[in-house]
C-alpha cells in the first residue's frame, strides 16, 4: 500500500512541474492539489491509518 502511495506521489510531483509546453499556463493549480494530497497523507500517517 505504501509503495503505491509513493509511486502516485512521485507521478503527481513530476506532473505538477510546469516544464511541459501544455502546462505552462496552469499556474499554481497542480501544486495546490499536490499540497492538499500531501497534507491528507500526512494526517493519515500520523493517525495510523496508513
Protein backbone atom coordinates (compact mmCIF):
# COMPACT_ATOMS: atom_id res chain seq x y z
CA UNK A 1 0.00 0.00 0.00
CA UNK A 2 2.74 2.47 0.90
CA UNK A 3 4.69 1.71 -2.29
CA UNK A 4 1.61 2.55 -4.36
CA UNK A 5 1.22 5.85 -2.50
CA UNK A 6 4.89 6.71 -3.06
CA UNK A 7 4.59 6.00 -6.78
CA UNK A 8 1.44 8.12 -7.05
CA UNK A 9 3.12 10.94 -5.14
CA UNK A 10 6.15 10.88 -7.43
CA UNK A 11 3.89 10.94 -10.50
CA UNK A 12 1.98 13.92 -9.07
CA UNK A 13 5.21 15.78 -8.37
CA UNK A 14 6.52 15.20 -11.89
CA UNK A 15 3.16 16.05 -13.45
CA UNK A 16 2.84 19.24 -11.42
CA UNK A 17 6.07 20.75 -12.69
CA UNK A 18 5.34 23.41 -15.32
CA UNK A 19 8.06 22.25 -17.71
CA UNK A 20 5.79 20.80 -20.37
CA UNK A 21 4.55 23.18 -23.11
CA UNK A 22 0.88 22.41 -22.46
CA UNK A 23 1.12 23.04 -18.71
CA UNK A 24 2.82 26.45 -18.62
CA UNK A 25 -0.50 28.30 -18.32
CA UNK A 26 -1.87 26.19 -15.46
CA UNK A 27 -0.41 28.44 -12.75
CA UNK A 28 -0.45 27.20 -9.16
CA UNK A 29 -3.30 24.72 -9.59
CA UNK A 30 -1.31 21.47 -9.78
CA UNK A 31 0.98 22.41 -6.90
CA UNK A 32 -2.05 23.27 -4.77
CA UNK A 33 -3.56 19.86 -5.45
CA UNK A 34 -0.25 18.17 -4.65
CA UNK A 35 -0.02 20.13 -1.39
CA UNK A 36 -3.53 19.10 -0.41
CA UNK A 37 -2.78 15.44 -1.15
CA UNK A 38 0.43 15.67 0.90
CA UNK A 39 -1.41 17.16 3.88
CA UNK A 40 -4.10 14.47 3.74
CA UNK A 41 -1.45 11.72 3.52
CA UNK A 42 0.49 13.24 6.41
CA UNK A 43 -2.62 13.33 8.58
CA UNK A 44 -3.47 9.71 7.69
CA UNK A 45 0.08 8.58 8.51
CA UNK A 46 0.05 10.42 11.84
CA UNK A 47 -3.30 8.87 12.76
CA UNK A 48 -2.01 5.42 11.86
CA UNK A 49 -4.49 4.76 9.07
CA UNK A 50 -1.77 4.02 6.51
